[in-house]
Each structure stands twice: as C-alpha cells, then as structure tokens.
Amino acid sequence: MQRFKRRKYFNPDTTMERNTLMAQCYPKLKDYCREKHGLEFQVVDMRWGVRDEATDDHMTTELCMREIENCQRLSMGPNFVVFLGQKYGYRPIPTYVLSSELEMLRTELESQGMDVGLLDKWYKKDSNAVPPTSILQPISSILKNFNNKRIPKLQQEDQAIWWDTMVKMQKLFRKGAQSLYNSGKFDKDTMHNYFMSVTEREVINGILNVKNTKNHCLAYIRYINNINLQNLRKASLFLDIVNRSLDNEASKLLANLRDERLPDKIETTNLQRYTVEWIGREGLDPETHSEYLQHFITHFYRNIVKLVDRAMRKEDSSAQGQIITEILQHLHACNNSVRVNPTKTIIEQKLSYSDELPGSNPK
C-alpha cells in the first residue's frame, strides 16, 4: 500500500476545530483514500503533545521540523495544513547557538550592565562542533526534580523555576539581539531568530520555503470578533497575553506572518478565511458555531480530496505508476478467478473435499 501522510499544524487555540475534524472528517478521508486510491491516510498533529524527555532536552521544535520533512518526503499529495488564528504562540529560546554569536550577545548585554550568569549556567560550548556551538543543557541536569513524577511537589517546584528561568533568558536574548541589530552587527534574520515562535518556524518550513505549495499546502485563517478581554483565562487561549495585557509585539509578528507573508506565498485557491463572533463565556463552542464548523470541515474535506486526486492522476500517468496499475489489475483478476464465495477459495474447497474421501486422515 502506498503511503499518504498529511501533516497539519494547529495552534492550541483551535481545539474546537481539531476535535471536529477528528470526529467527523478524518474517518471519511481515511475511507476515501483507502477505497479510491489504496492509500494510507495519516494525520500528524504536533499539538497532540510530545514526550517529557523531548521537553527536558529542548527537542520539541526540532521534532516538529523533522516531522515536516518526513511528511514532505513521504506524502503523495497534501503534506502541510496550517490553521492560524490570533495567537502567535510559544516562543522558545534556542537549543543551539553559535558560540561566536552567543559571545557577541554576552558582550553586548554586559556593556549594558546586564547579568549574563544564567546564559553561562545553562549554555555549554561544544568545541568539537564545526563551527563551535553552545548547547542549552537538559533541564533535569540542573533542576533534578523536573521529571520526578514520584514526588509531584518537588516536580512542580522545579518546573516553576524552569519556566521563570526561561522567561528571564528569553528577555536577555531579545534585548541583546535587538541591540546588535540596531548597531548593524546582526542582520534582520539573525535578530528575528530570537523572537520567532514555533508557529512561524513551522510555517516557514511547511509553506514559505516550499516551491510547490499548490499541490501540497493548505492554509486556514480564522478571526474572532469581540474577544472578551475581561475573561483573561479564556481570552489567553486565543490571544497572546503578557502581564494581563495583550502582547503587542507578538500580535505584530503574527500579523506580518498571517496577513502578509503567507498570503503572498500560497495560492488564493488554497487559502480560506473565516470570521466568527465571540459568544458567551466560552467564546467558541460547537453548538453556537455549528454552521461555521460545518462549512469548515466540508471545505477541508473537499480540498484534501482535491489534492489527493491531483497527486494520484500525476502518479498514474507516470511510467512507474502505469506498471503498478498493471500489476494491481493482474492481482485483482487473479483474486476474482480463484474466488468461489466470500469465505472459501477453490483450493480450500478441494482440501475440504479430500478430507472426506475414504482413507483420508481424520480431521
């Protein structure tokens, strides 16, 4: 069976849409791909979570990038679907930094009177790498109880320490990178690397750096009107919130990605926009937004099917595809020629008959 793997990226603010696709759309797509083309339909959703070890080793982003590459390599049709809302998303600190670059950041920060002790503590230089690279150390190598599930209280304490530490290093990196960019020592891409979210990094690898988006990529953009900022707990699921206020920096970075670079790259036929209203305490709910959800999953299904069919037409017209088709036709003919009824073949019936002849071995 040929492999068809479709990767999709969804931010945490799209739980309602993900659940609806899981319940109502994926089973139909799986049946369609198998029955129409003999393909295996697979969904890879990075927001289903990663193992604790990946978090400990800061490998989450790298795993996401690797999965995109796998899907691009294995998929015959669509291999990347992005759904962007109004949340730019998680912005981790880098796992690997060129040692020369880290030294520039340290020097710049120290010149401004900043304490760089955290960077020295958490990043260790690998002199064997070419060029030399500084690596963010596993969390549990310093905070021993970060993964200690046997003592939840100690684990919670170390996890709280880590997230506080990460935010502090995040601020150091951004301040240093911005200063070096302003002085002309960093170019824009180098500076932006310290501000970028996992969302943007995935869209870059899944769409912006892809040559043929027409046959492989889809994008969905959803705007929510009148989000209730009085309910920060709910609003923070759909917006970037910092210090109990909207994170304007993240909003600008998202707008540049969602409203400029993405539409400029992907075909208009592969991009769909939705605008919905914030309703009640939950904001979004399957019952109050049923019409939107129905249109979304219908559009999603039709577009995935369109890209799968297009890929198969191209495959069937190739020399290799024609050979495979002929082989499958012969197998199908052989299967029909030996089939007597749904449960027994001619051979099975002959064996059964011979067992009943005089002198045959008893069953």
Protein backbone atom coordinates (compact mmCIF):
# COMPACT_ATOMS: atom_id res chain seq x y z
CA MET A 1 0.00 0.00 0.00
CA GLN A 2 1.30 3.41 -0.88
CA ARG A 3 1.83 5.89 1.91
CA PHE A 4 -0.07 9.13 2.14
CA LYS A 5 0.84 11.15 5.18
CA ARG A 6 -0.65 14.55 5.74
CA ARG A 7 0.75 16.77 8.40
CA LYS A 8 -1.27 19.58 9.87
CA TYR A 9 -0.24 22.28 12.28
CA PHE A 10 -2.77 23.66 14.74
CA ASN A 11 -2.19 26.19 17.50
CA PRO A 12 -3.69 25.48 20.95
CA ASP A 13 -6.49 27.98 20.18
CA THR A 14 -8.02 25.58 17.65
CA THR A 15 -9.18 22.78 19.94
CA MET A 16 -12.78 23.03 18.77
CA GLU A 17 -11.79 22.69 15.12
CA ARG A 18 -9.35 19.84 15.82
CA ASN A 19 -11.94 17.86 17.74
CA THR A 20 -14.49 18.32 14.97
CA LEU A 21 -12.05 17.16 12.31
CA MET A 22 -11.16 14.14 14.42
CA ALA A 23 -14.77 13.12 14.90
CA GLN A 24 -16.35 13.98 11.56
CA CYS A 25 -13.72 14.45 8.87
CA TYR A 26 -10.69 12.20 9.33
CA PRO A 27 -12.63 8.91 9.26
CA LYS A 28 -14.19 9.90 5.92
CA LEU A 29 -10.83 10.92 4.48
CA LYS A 30 -9.29 7.67 5.67
CA ASP A 31 -12.04 5.67 3.95
CA TYR A 32 -11.81 7.73 0.77
CA CYS A 33 -8.04 7.38 0.42
CA ARG A 34 -8.15 3.64 1.07
CA GLU A 35 -11.15 2.79 -1.11
CA LYS A 36 -10.50 5.16 -4.02
CA HIS A 37 -6.71 5.01 -4.27
CA GLY A 38 -5.43 2.31 -1.91
CA LEU A 39 -3.63 4.93 0.13
CA GLU A 40 -2.96 5.12 3.83
CA PHE A 41 -4.21 8.37 5.33
CA GLN A 42 -2.23 9.52 8.36
CA VAL A 43 -2.61 12.63 10.46
CA VAL A 44 0.33 14.05 12.37
CA ASP A 45 -0.69 16.78 14.79
CA MET A 46 2.16 18.20 16.84
CA ARG A 47 -0.31 19.61 19.32
CA TRP A 48 -1.17 16.11 20.48
CA GLY A 49 1.88 16.52 22.66
CA VAL A 50 5.46 15.29 22.91
CA ARG A 51 7.20 13.10 25.44
CA ASP A 52 8.54 14.67 28.63
CA GLU A 53 12.04 13.71 27.54
CA ALA A 54 11.72 15.94 24.47
CA THR A 55 10.80 18.89 26.69
CA ASP A 56 13.66 18.12 29.04
CA ASP A 57 16.17 18.05 26.16
CA HIS A 58 14.59 21.07 24.40
CA MET A 59 13.92 18.93 21.32
CA THR A 60 10.27 19.89 20.75
CA THR A 61 10.96 22.38 17.96
CA GLU A 62 13.46 20.07 16.26
CA LEU A 63 10.96 17.20 16.37
CA CYS A 64 8.36 19.41 14.71
CA MET A 65 10.76 20.41 11.94
CA ARG A 66 11.79 16.79 11.42
CA GLU A 67 8.16 15.71 11.14
CA ILE A 68 7.52 18.33 8.48
CA GLU A 69 10.45 16.95 6.48
CA ASN A 70 9.14 13.40 6.88
CA CYS A 71 5.70 14.34 5.62
CA GLN A 72 7.10 16.28 2.68
CA ARG A 73 9.23 13.28 1.78
CA LEU A 74 6.53 10.62 2.18
CA SER A 75 3.31 12.32 1.11
CA MET A 76 1.97 11.96 -2.40
CA GLY A 77 -0.43 14.87 -2.02
CA PRO A 78 -1.07 17.43 0.71
CA ASN A 79 1.60 17.39 3.39
CA PHE A 80 1.08 20.59 5.37
CA VAL A 81 -2.07 22.36 6.52
CA VAL A 82 -1.82 25.39 8.77
CA PHE A 83 -4.61 26.99 10.76
CA LEU A 84 -3.77 30.46 12.08
CA GLY A 85 -5.89 32.50 14.43
CA GLN A 86 -4.93 35.43 16.63
CA LYS A 87 -2.33 33.70 18.78
CA TYR A 88 1.31 33.83 17.69
CA GLY A 89 2.15 31.07 20.14
CA TYR A 90 5.04 29.71 22.14
CA ARG A 91 8.43 31.36 21.58
CA PRO A 92 11.18 29.14 22.99
CA ILE A 93 14.79 30.09 23.50
CA PRO A 94 17.19 28.42 21.02
CA THR A 95 18.56 24.98 21.81
CA TYR A 96 21.70 25.63 19.76
CA VAL A 97 23.54 28.95 19.39
CA LEU A 98 26.77 29.57 17.52
CA SER A 99 29.34 30.17 20.23
CA SER A 100 30.62 33.26 18.43
CA GLU A 101 27.06 34.61 18.31
CA LEU A 102 26.47 33.87 21.99
CA GLU A 103 29.69 35.68 22.87
CA MET A 104 28.51 38.73 20.94
CA LEU A 105 25.24 38.66 22.88
CA ARG A 106 27.07 38.30 26.21
CA THR A 107 29.39 41.19 25.43
CA GLU A 108 26.51 43.42 24.35
CA LEU A 109 24.44 42.63 27.44
CA GLU A 110 27.36 43.12 29.81
CA SER A 111 28.08 46.50 28.23
CA GLN A 112 24.56 47.46 29.29
CA GLY A 113 25.14 46.28 32.84
CA MET A 114 23.10 43.09 32.46
CA ASP A 115 23.89 39.92 34.41
CA VAL A 116 24.58 37.07 31.96
CA GLY A 117 25.08 34.42 34.63
CA LEU A 118 22.01 32.47 33.52
CA LEU A 119 23.36 32.15 29.98
CA ASP A 120 26.71 30.93 31.31
CA LYS A 121 24.96 28.41 33.55
CA TRP A 122 22.59 26.93 31.00
CA TYR A 123 24.63 27.03 27.77
CA LYS A 124 27.76 24.89 27.39
CA LYS A 125 30.17 25.17 24.48
CA ASP A 126 30.77 22.17 22.23
CA SER A 127 34.24 22.86 20.85
CA ASN A 128 34.16 19.70 18.72
CA ALA A 129 31.29 21.06 16.64
CA VAL A 130 32.15 22.89 13.42
CA PRO A 131 31.65 25.75 13.90
CA PRO A 132 31.74 25.66 17.74
CA THR A 133 28.20 25.65 19.12
CA SER A 134 26.78 26.38 22.56
CA ILE A 135 24.06 23.95 23.63
CA LEU A 136 21.20 24.53 26.05
CA GLN A 137 21.58 21.93 28.78
CA PRO A 138 18.84 19.42 29.65
CA ILE A 139 16.57 20.88 32.32
CA SER A 140 16.91 17.90 34.65
CA SER A 141 20.71 18.16 34.58
CA ILE A 142 20.35 21.31 36.70
CA LEU A 143 16.84 21.03 38.13
CA LYS A 144 16.96 17.42 39.27
CA ASN A 145 13.26 17.03 40.02
CA PHE A 146 11.93 18.46 36.77
CA ASN A 147 10.80 14.99 35.63
CA ASN A 148 10.33 13.48 39.09
CA LYS A 149 6.73 12.27 38.87
CA ARG A 150 7.12 10.25 42.05
CA ILE A 151 7.28 13.43 44.14
CA PRO A 152 4.80 15.83 42.49
CA LYS A 153 5.51 18.72 44.87
CA LEU A 154 9.24 18.76 44.07
CA GLN A 155 8.48 18.37 40.38
CA GLN A 156 6.10 21.33 40.40
CA GLU A 157 8.69 23.46 42.19
CA ASP A 158 11.42 22.69 39.67
CA GLN A 159 9.07 23.16 36.73
CA ALA A 160 8.07 26.58 38.06
CA ILE A 161 11.75 27.50 38.47
CA TRP A 162 12.49 26.43 34.89
CA TRP A 163 9.70 28.44 33.27
CA ASP A 164 10.71 31.50 35.27
CA THR A 165 14.33 30.97 34.24
CA MET A 166 13.39 30.52 30.59
CA VAL A 167 11.46 33.81 30.56
CA LYS A 168 14.49 35.61 32.01
CA MET A 169 16.81 34.14 29.36
CA GLN A 170 14.23 34.94 26.70
CA LYS A 171 14.35 38.62 27.69
CA LEU A 172 18.15 38.61 27.70
CA PHE A 173 18.35 37.10 24.22
CA ARG A 174 15.80 39.51 22.75
CA LYS A 175 17.36 42.57 24.33
CA GLY A 176 20.84 41.61 23.15
CA ALA A 177 19.70 40.63 19.65
CA GLN A 178 17.74 43.86 19.19
CA SER A 179 20.73 45.95 20.31
CA LEU A 180 23.10 44.11 17.98
CA TYR A 181 20.66 44.57 15.11
CA ASN A 182 20.32 48.29 15.84
CA SER A 183 24.11 48.64 15.75
CA GLY A 184 24.38 46.72 12.48
CA LYS A 185 26.16 43.69 13.96
CA PHE A 186 23.18 41.33 13.44
CA ASP A 187 21.16 41.12 10.24
CA LYS A 188 17.37 41.01 10.46
CA ASP A 189 17.07 37.23 10.17
CA THR A 190 19.63 36.61 12.91
CA MET A 191 17.86 39.04 15.20
CA HIS A 192 14.40 37.65 14.39
CA ASN A 193 15.54 34.12 15.27
CA TYR A 194 15.39 35.13 18.95
CA PHE A 195 11.82 36.46 18.63
CA MET A 196 10.28 33.71 16.49
CA SER A 197 7.52 31.35 17.61
CA VAL A 198 7.32 27.65 16.85
CA THR A 199 4.26 28.51 14.76
CA GLU A 200 6.20 30.76 12.44
CA ARG A 201 9.14 28.38 12.19
CA GLU A 202 6.80 25.60 11.10
CA VAL A 203 5.02 27.78 8.55
CA ILE A 204 8.39 28.80 7.12
CA ASN A 205 9.43 25.17 6.67
CA GLY A 206 5.99 23.90 5.68
CA ILE A 207 4.92 26.64 3.24
CA LEU A 208 7.15 29.70 2.85
CA ASN A 209 10.24 27.70 1.83
CA VAL A 210 8.27 25.26 -0.35
CA LYS A 211 8.40 25.56 -4.14
CA ASN A 212 5.13 23.82 -5.00
CA THR A 213 2.53 24.95 -2.48
CA LYS A 214 -0.31 24.50 -4.98
CA ASN A 215 -0.20 20.70 -4.81
CA HIS A 216 0.89 20.24 -1.21
CA CYS A 217 -0.24 23.01 1.14
CA LEU A 218 -3.45 24.47 2.54
CA ALA A 219 -3.98 27.40 4.90
CA TYR A 220 -6.95 28.38 7.06
CA ILE A 221 -7.17 31.72 8.84
CA ARG A 222 -9.78 32.44 11.49
CA TYR A 223 -10.56 35.81 13.07
CA ILE A 224 -12.68 36.10 16.21
CA ASN A 225 -14.54 39.37 16.69
CA ASN A 226 -15.10 40.92 20.12
CA ILE A 227 -12.95 38.61 22.25
CA ASN A 228 -13.81 39.31 25.89
CA LEU A 229 -10.57 40.56 27.47
CA GLN A 230 -12.31 40.77 30.84
CA ASN A 231 -12.12 36.99 30.99
CA LEU A 232 -8.35 36.67 30.66
CA ARG A 233 -8.33 32.94 31.37
CA LYS A 234 -10.42 32.26 28.28
CA ALA A 235 -9.00 35.09 26.19
CA SER A 236 -5.45 33.81 26.72
CA LEU A 237 -6.40 30.65 24.83
CA PHE A 238 -6.95 32.74 21.71
CA LEU A 239 -4.59 35.69 22.17
CA ASP A 240 -1.02 36.26 23.34
CA ILE A 241 -1.29 37.73 26.83
CA VAL A 242 1.61 39.07 28.88
CA ASN A 243 1.29 40.80 32.26
CA ARG A 244 -2.50 40.59 31.95
CA SER A 245 -2.48 42.62 28.72
CA LEU A 246 -2.35 41.90 25.01
CA ASP A 247 1.20 41.15 23.84
CA ASN A 248 1.54 43.79 21.12
CA GLU A 249 4.94 42.51 19.99
CA ALA A 250 3.54 39.02 19.37
CA SER A 251 0.49 40.48 17.63
CA LYS A 252 2.68 42.40 15.17
CA LEU A 253 4.82 39.36 14.44
CA LEU A 254 1.71 37.26 13.82
CA ALA A 255 0.12 39.90 11.59
CA ASN A 256 3.24 40.00 9.43
CA LEU A 257 3.18 36.22 9.05
CA ARG A 258 -0.57 35.68 8.71
CA ASP A 259 -1.64 38.74 6.72
CA GLU A 260 1.41 39.40 4.53
CA ARG A 261 3.96 36.66 4.02
CA LEU A 262 1.59 33.67 4.00
CA PRO A 263 -0.96 35.12 1.51
CA ASP A 264 1.90 36.32 -0.70
CA LYS A 265 3.25 32.77 -0.93
CA ILE A 266 0.28 30.41 -1.11
CA GLU A 267 -2.27 30.30 -3.94
CA THR A 268 -5.58 32.01 -3.23
CA THR A 269 -7.41 28.76 -4.03
CA ASN A 270 -5.51 27.07 -1.20
CA LEU A 271 -6.26 29.77 1.38
CA GLN A 272 -9.57 30.08 3.23
CA ARG A 273 -10.53 32.82 5.72
CA TYR A 274 -13.25 32.78 8.36
CA THR A 275 -14.60 35.44 10.71
CA VAL A 276 -16.64 34.34 13.72
CA GLU A 277 -18.12 36.05 16.76
CA TRP A 278 -17.16 35.58 20.40
CA ILE A 279 -20.30 34.22 22.08
CA GLY A 280 -20.94 33.73 25.80
CA ARG A 281 -18.40 32.74 28.44
CA GLU A 282 -16.68 30.10 26.33
CA GLY A 283 -16.23 32.31 23.29
CA LEU A 284 -16.26 29.42 20.83
CA ASP A 285 -18.50 26.38 21.21
CA PRO A 286 -19.58 23.60 18.81
CA GLU A 287 -23.26 24.39 19.37
CA THR A 288 -23.13 28.16 18.92
CA HIS A 289 -20.72 27.87 16.00
CA SER A 290 -22.12 24.77 14.31
CA GLU A 291 -22.70 26.50 10.96
CA TYR A 292 -19.10 27.70 10.82
CA LEU A 293 -17.78 24.25 11.78
CA GLN A 294 -19.87 22.51 9.15
CA HIS A 295 -18.59 24.82 6.43
CA PHE A 296 -15.04 24.39 7.69
CA ILE A 297 -14.97 20.59 7.70
CA THR A 298 -16.77 20.42 4.33
CA HIS A 299 -14.25 22.79 2.78
CA PHE A 300 -11.39 20.93 4.45
CA TYR A 301 -12.57 17.54 3.16
CA ARG A 302 -13.08 18.75 -0.40
CA ASN A 303 -9.68 20.42 -0.59
CA ILE A 304 -7.80 17.45 0.82
CA VAL A 305 -9.60 15.15 -1.64
CA LYS A 306 -8.79 17.54 -4.49
CA LEU A 307 -5.07 17.48 -3.71
CA VAL A 308 -5.04 13.70 -3.23
CA ASP A 309 -6.81 13.12 -6.55
CA ARG A 310 -4.47 15.52 -8.31
CA ALA A 311 -1.43 13.71 -6.93
CA MET A 312 -2.81 10.33 -7.98
CA ARG A 313 -3.55 11.49 -11.53
CA LYS A 314 0.06 12.56 -11.82
CA GLU A 315 1.25 9.27 -10.32
CA ASP A 316 -0.96 7.14 -12.58
CA SER A 317 0.33 8.88 -15.70
CA SER A 318 3.97 8.20 -14.86
CA ALA A 319 5.82 5.14 -16.19
CA GLN A 320 6.16 3.68 -12.70
CA GLY A 321 2.52 4.39 -11.96
CA GLN A 322 1.40 2.56 -15.11
CA ILE A 323 3.44 -0.50 -14.13
CA ILE A 324 1.96 -0.50 -10.64
CA THR A 325 -1.54 -0.14 -12.07
CA GLU A 326 -1.00 -3.11 -14.40
CA ILE A 327 0.31 -5.25 -11.53
CA LEU A 328 -2.70 -4.36 -9.41
CA GLN A 329 -5.04 -5.21 -12.28
CA HIS A 330 -3.44 -8.67 -12.63
CA LEU A 331 -3.69 -9.24 -8.89
CA HIS A 332 -7.32 -8.22 -8.97
CA ALA A 333 -8.03 -10.59 -11.89
CA CYS A 334 -6.28 -13.48 -10.12
CA ASN A 335 -8.19 -12.82 -6.96
CA ASN A 336 -11.51 -12.90 -8.82
CA SER A 337 -10.63 -16.07 -10.76
CA VAL A 338 -10.00 -18.16 -7.63
CA ARG A 339 -12.78 -16.77 -5.51
CA VAL A 340 -15.83 -19.06 -5.25
CA ASN A 341 -17.58 -17.46 -2.33
CA PRO A 342 -16.68 -14.80 0.24
CA THR A 343 -15.11 -17.30 2.63
CA LYS A 344 -13.58 -20.14 0.58
CA THR A 345 -11.36 -20.45 -2.46
CA ILE A 346 -11.33 -23.38 -4.91
CA ILE A 347 -8.18 -24.70 -3.25
CA GLU A 348 -9.78 -24.57 0.17
CA GLN A 349 -12.82 -26.44 -1.15
CA LYS A 350 -10.65 -29.17 -2.73
CA LEU A 351 -8.80 -29.66 0.52
CA SER A 352 -12.07 -29.92 2.37
CA TYR A 353 -13.39 -32.50 -0.16
CA SER A 354 -10.24 -34.65 0.01
CA ASP A 355 -10.53 -34.85 3.77
CA GLU A 356 -13.90 -36.56 3.37
CA LEU A 357 -12.66 -39.32 0.99
CA PRO A 358 -12.32 -42.91 2.29
CA GLY A 359 -8.87 -43.50 3.73
CA SER A 360 -8.14 -39.85 4.26
CA ASN A 361 -6.78 -38.70 7.58
CA PRO A 362 -9.48 -37.65 10.01
CA LYS A 363 -9.64 -34.02 10.93
